[in-house]
């Protein structure tokens, strides 16, 4: 199985603060990998660095299907096949979802007729038909916005999808719907990195691998047993098992299950 995303010894900082510290990760095509970690561990920073957000000092390597990512501009990374699902999708009044997707698809090299066909086809698949002629994310619920993000990915056919807390701020029913949409997006031509605080989404989909991220690096990888360990003992239990001392302040050490009652705001 070929590799969709490979990150090797990636370090990154901003304003003199080190955030990623020698992180390595490999995601094959056809697989969904979940990254879990406490607040401040660098999960969202990883997405920012991979997609080319300005302001970071970056060292290390990252490739998409064998092609170097870090030397490319943001738009070039997107055309190469990298797509990010935002934690809090932006509302854009006055720009219809259909128009937005047609422009994006054409920028990705789709013929106009093919783009129109994909918008209609994937709109039906993900239940987005009634939103196609409404403003982008305008007056949508949290679950509808996240489902719209998955719909957009399905239209654009990326090689690597980064889902940055795709389940944040959602109720249980919406989490289940989004999880089902992620599973439905599985493809032998796609690698998915799903970043989450919440173990509950793992009840509705089956990631091929779970990674624990602490202090800017992947410290452990495995299967469902890792999520169970985090549920029962939190990240401190992982630190204790691996002999990792607390080297930076990461906020309250909550178990992923605690987020059933907490809000991310």
Protein backbone atom coordinates (compact mmCIF):
# COMPACT_ATOMS: atom_id res chain seq x y z
CA UNK A 1 0.00 0.00 0.00
CA UNK A 2 1.52 3.34 -1.04
CA UNK A 3 1.88 6.29 1.32
CA UNK A 4 -0.49 9.25 1.07
CA UNK A 5 1.16 11.47 3.71
CA UNK A 6 4.59 11.06 5.24
CA UNK A 7 5.91 13.45 7.88
CA UNK A 8 9.48 12.98 9.09
CA UNK A 9 11.11 14.71 12.08
CA UNK A 10 8.91 17.79 11.69
CA UNK A 11 9.59 20.69 14.04
CA UNK A 12 7.81 24.03 14.02
CA UNK A 13 7.54 27.13 16.14
CA UNK A 14 6.08 30.60 16.08
CA UNK A 15 7.14 33.80 17.85
CA UNK A 16 10.05 31.97 19.44
CA UNK A 17 7.87 29.21 20.91
CA UNK A 18 8.55 25.61 19.91
CA UNK A 19 5.32 23.69 19.23
CA UNK A 20 6.12 20.67 17.06
CA UNK A 21 9.21 18.77 18.16
CA UNK A 22 10.47 16.08 15.80
CA UNK A 23 7.03 14.73 14.85
CA UNK A 24 6.85 11.75 12.48
CA UNK A 25 3.70 10.26 10.95
CA UNK A 26 2.88 8.00 8.01
CA UNK A 27 -0.63 7.58 6.58
CA UNK A 28 -1.16 5.08 3.74
CA UNK A 29 -3.77 5.58 1.04
CA UNK A 30 -7.09 4.01 1.97
CA UNK A 31 -6.68 4.54 5.72
CA UNK A 32 -8.14 6.87 8.35
CA UNK A 33 -5.77 7.83 11.17
CA UNK A 34 -6.94 9.61 14.31
CA UNK A 35 -4.65 11.92 16.29
CA UNK A 36 -5.62 12.55 19.91
CA UNK A 37 -3.84 14.73 22.42
CA UNK A 38 -4.31 17.26 25.24
CA UNK A 39 -4.79 20.97 24.68
CA UNK A 40 -1.58 22.63 23.52
CA UNK A 41 0.01 19.44 22.19
CA UNK A 42 0.30 20.87 18.67
CA UNK A 43 -2.50 19.08 16.81
CA UNK A 44 -3.90 22.13 15.02
CA UNK A 45 -0.38 23.47 14.47
CA UNK A 46 0.36 20.30 12.51
CA UNK A 47 -2.54 21.15 10.18
CA UNK A 48 -1.36 24.76 9.88
CA UNK A 49 2.17 23.74 8.97
CA UNK A 50 1.12 21.08 6.46
CA UNK A 51 -1.25 23.48 4.68
CA UNK A 52 1.31 26.29 4.60
CA UNK A 53 -0.03 28.85 7.06
CA UNK A 54 2.40 31.76 7.29
CA UNK A 55 4.40 32.71 10.38
CA UNK A 56 5.89 29.36 11.38
CA UNK A 57 9.56 28.42 11.42
CA UNK A 58 9.62 24.88 10.05
CA UNK A 59 12.23 22.13 9.86
CA UNK A 60 11.88 18.53 8.72
CA UNK A 61 10.12 16.86 5.82
CA UNK A 62 6.55 16.27 4.66
CA UNK A 63 5.50 14.59 1.43
CA UNK A 64 2.15 13.97 -0.24
CA UNK A 65 2.20 10.88 -2.46
CA UNK A 66 5.97 11.29 -2.58
CA UNK A 67 5.94 14.99 -3.55
CA UNK A 68 7.52 17.56 -1.23
CA UNK A 69 4.93 19.74 0.50
CA UNK A 70 6.92 22.21 2.54
CA UNK A 71 8.53 23.96 -0.42
CA UNK A 72 5.16 24.77 -2.00
CA UNK A 73 2.82 27.74 -1.59
CA UNK A 74 -0.63 27.22 -0.06
CA UNK A 75 -2.45 27.03 -3.41
CA UNK A 76 0.12 24.62 -4.83
CA UNK A 77 -0.35 22.28 -1.87
CA UNK A 78 -4.09 22.36 -2.48
CA UNK A 79 -3.71 21.55 -6.18
CA UNK A 80 -1.35 18.72 -5.27
CA UNK A 81 -4.24 17.11 -3.39
CA UNK A 82 -4.15 18.41 0.21
CA UNK A 83 -7.42 19.58 1.72
CA UNK A 84 -8.21 20.90 5.21
CA UNK A 85 -11.58 20.71 6.94
CA UNK A 86 -11.86 23.71 9.26
CA UNK A 87 -12.65 23.37 12.95
CA UNK A 88 -15.01 26.35 12.70
CA UNK A 89 -16.14 26.78 9.06
CA UNK A 90 -16.57 30.40 8.02
CA UNK A 91 -19.91 31.83 6.89
CA UNK A 92 -19.72 33.66 3.56
CA UNK A 93 -22.99 35.51 2.93
CA UNK A 94 -23.65 36.23 -0.73
CA UNK A 95 -21.54 33.37 -2.10
CA UNK A 96 -23.67 30.35 -2.92
CA UNK A 97 -22.31 26.91 -2.08
CA UNK A 98 -22.81 25.76 -5.68
CA UNK A 99 -20.83 28.73 -7.06
CA UNK A 100 -18.09 28.21 -4.51
CA UNK A 101 -17.73 24.53 -5.39
CA UNK A 102 -17.75 25.20 -9.14
CA UNK A 103 -14.92 27.73 -8.76
CA UNK A 104 -12.95 25.39 -6.48
CA UNK A 105 -13.44 22.38 -8.78
CA UNK A 106 -12.32 24.33 -11.84
CA UNK A 107 -9.23 25.51 -9.93
CA UNK A 108 -8.48 21.84 -9.26
CA UNK A 109 -8.61 21.08 -12.96
CA UNK A 110 -12.14 19.74 -13.39
CA UNK A 111 -13.96 20.48 -16.63
CA UNK A 112 -17.05 22.65 -16.02
CA UNK A 113 -19.51 19.92 -16.96
CA UNK A 114 -17.68 17.36 -14.82
CA UNK A 115 -17.60 19.81 -11.91
CA UNK A 116 -21.35 20.47 -12.19
CA UNK A 117 -22.04 16.73 -12.30
CA UNK A 118 -19.88 16.09 -9.22
CA UNK A 119 -21.58 18.88 -7.26
CA UNK A 120 -25.01 17.37 -7.96
CA UNK A 121 -23.90 13.79 -7.36
CA UNK A 122 -22.12 14.45 -4.07
CA UNK A 123 -24.86 16.86 -2.99
CA UNK A 124 -27.32 13.97 -3.10
CA UNK A 125 -24.85 11.60 -1.47
CA UNK A 126 -24.31 13.83 1.58
CA UNK A 127 -27.75 15.43 1.78
CA UNK A 128 -26.55 18.89 0.75
CA UNK A 129 -28.94 19.48 -2.19
CA UNK A 130 -31.10 22.01 -0.34
CA UNK A 131 -28.04 24.06 0.61
CA UNK A 132 -26.46 24.32 -2.85
CA UNK A 133 -28.17 27.60 -3.70
CA UNK A 134 -27.81 29.12 -0.24
CA UNK A 135 -24.88 31.21 0.95
CA UNK A 136 -21.86 29.21 2.09
CA UNK A 137 -22.41 28.03 5.69
CA UNK A 138 -24.92 30.84 6.25
CA UNK A 139 -27.47 29.92 8.95
CA UNK A 140 -26.36 26.27 9.04
CA UNK A 141 -26.22 24.24 12.23
CA UNK A 142 -22.88 22.93 13.48
CA UNK A 143 -23.57 19.47 12.11
CA UNK A 144 -24.68 20.84 8.74
CA UNK A 145 -21.49 22.88 8.44
CA UNK A 146 -19.32 19.87 9.18
CA UNK A 147 -21.27 17.72 6.73
CA UNK A 148 -20.78 20.48 4.15
CA UNK A 149 -17.02 20.22 4.71
CA UNK A 150 -17.14 16.48 3.95
CA UNK A 151 -19.30 17.16 0.87
CA UNK A 152 -16.72 19.68 -0.39
CA UNK A 153 -13.95 17.13 0.01
CA UNK A 154 -15.94 14.52 -1.87
CA UNK A 155 -16.42 16.91 -4.79
CA UNK A 156 -12.74 17.91 -4.97
CA UNK A 157 -11.30 14.38 -4.54
CA UNK A 158 -8.18 15.20 -2.48
CA UNK A 159 -5.35 12.74 -1.93
CA UNK A 160 -4.99 13.71 1.73
CA UNK A 161 -7.77 15.14 3.93
CA UNK A 162 -6.95 16.83 7.23
CA UNK A 163 -10.00 16.91 9.52
CA UNK A 164 -9.24 19.39 12.29
CA UNK A 165 -11.65 18.58 15.13
CA UNK A 166 -14.44 17.73 12.70
CA UNK A 167 -16.59 16.78 15.71
CA UNK A 168 -16.07 19.87 17.88
CA UNK A 169 -19.18 21.64 19.15
CA UNK A 170 -21.57 18.94 17.92
CA UNK A 171 -24.26 17.05 19.79
CA UNK A 172 -24.24 13.25 19.82
CA UNK A 173 -26.57 12.87 16.81
CA UNK A 174 -24.49 15.27 14.71
CA UNK A 175 -21.26 13.49 15.71
CA UNK A 176 -22.76 10.23 14.48
CA UNK A 177 -23.81 11.80 11.18
CA UNK A 178 -20.39 13.34 10.60
CA UNK A 179 -18.63 10.09 11.51
CA UNK A 180 -20.78 8.20 9.03
CA UNK A 181 -19.94 10.80 6.37
CA UNK A 182 -16.21 10.36 7.05
CA UNK A 183 -16.53 6.58 6.76
CA UNK A 184 -18.47 7.00 3.51
CA UNK A 185 -15.60 9.09 2.15
CA UNK A 186 -13.14 6.18 2.51
CA UNK A 187 -11.31 5.47 -0.72
CA UNK A 188 -8.18 3.59 -1.81
CA UNK A 189 -7.04 6.92 -3.32
CA UNK A 190 -7.42 8.94 -0.10
CA UNK A 191 -5.57 9.17 3.19
CA UNK A 192 -7.37 10.83 6.13
CA UNK A 193 -5.91 12.44 9.25
CA UNK A 194 -8.65 13.09 11.80
CA UNK A 195 -7.70 15.26 14.77
CA UNK A 196 -10.03 14.99 17.74
CA UNK A 197 -10.38 15.57 21.47
CA UNK A 198 -13.45 13.34 21.58
CA UNK A 199 -13.33 9.58 21.93
CA UNK A 200 -17.08 9.47 21.25
CA UNK A 201 -16.63 9.86 17.46
CA UNK A 202 -14.59 6.63 17.50
CA UNK A 203 -17.81 4.80 18.45
CA UNK A 204 -19.23 5.54 15.02
CA UNK A 205 -16.22 5.01 12.77
CA UNK A 206 -13.21 2.70 12.79
CA UNK A 207 -9.88 4.46 12.28
CA UNK A 208 -7.12 2.16 11.07
CA UNK A 209 -4.75 3.62 13.63
CA UNK A 210 -4.89 5.96 16.63
CA UNK A 211 -1.94 8.20 17.48
CA UNK A 212 -1.37 9.98 20.78
CA UNK A 213 0.30 13.38 20.46
CA UNK A 214 1.98 14.97 23.47
CA UNK A 215 4.40 17.91 23.60
CA UNK A 216 4.58 18.29 19.83
CA UNK A 217 5.29 14.72 18.81
CA UNK A 218 3.58 11.37 18.29
CA UNK A 219 4.45 9.36 21.40
CA UNK A 220 2.34 6.24 20.86
CA UNK A 221 0.29 4.57 18.14
CA UNK A 222 -2.11 1.67 18.20
CA UNK A 223 -5.72 0.62 17.92
CA UNK A 224 -8.90 0.94 19.96
CA UNK A 225 -7.02 0.06 23.15
CA UNK A 226 -5.41 3.50 23.13
CA UNK A 227 -8.78 5.26 23.11
CA UNK A 228 -9.90 3.00 25.97
CA UNK A 229 -6.78 3.88 27.96
CA UNK A 230 -7.42 7.58 27.44
CA UNK A 231 -11.04 7.19 28.51
CA UNK A 232 -10.06 5.48 31.72
CA UNK A 233 -6.92 7.34 32.71
CA UNK A 234 -6.54 10.41 30.52
CA UNK A 235 -3.27 11.60 29.02
CA UNK A 236 -1.51 11.43 32.37
CA UNK A 237 -1.87 7.65 32.23
CA UNK A 238 -0.11 7.58 28.88
CA UNK A 239 2.63 9.86 30.20
CA UNK A 240 3.14 7.59 33.20
CA UNK A 241 3.25 4.41 31.10
CA UNK A 242 5.76 5.91 28.67
CA UNK A 243 7.78 7.74 31.32
CA UNK A 244 7.09 11.19 29.87
CA UNK A 245 7.41 14.07 32.29
CA UNK A 246 5.32 17.20 31.94
CA UNK A 247 7.59 19.71 30.26
CA UNK A 248 5.07 22.40 29.33
CA UNK A 249 1.73 23.69 30.51
CA UNK A 250 -1.03 22.15 28.41
CA UNK A 251 -4.10 23.17 30.37
CA UNK A 252 -6.42 20.89 32.36
CA UNK A 253 -5.75 17.21 31.78
CA UNK A 254 -9.24 16.04 30.85
CA UNK A 255 -10.18 12.62 29.63
CA UNK A 256 -11.67 12.60 26.12
CA UNK A 257 -14.93 11.35 27.68
CA UNK A 258 -15.15 14.56 29.73
CA UNK A 259 -15.97 16.49 26.57
CA UNK A 260 -19.43 14.91 26.52
CA UNK A 261 -20.50 17.65 28.90
CA UNK A 262 -17.94 20.38 28.18
CA UNK A 263 -18.17 22.80 25.27
CA UNK A 264 -15.10 23.87 23.25
CA UNK A 265 -15.91 27.56 23.74
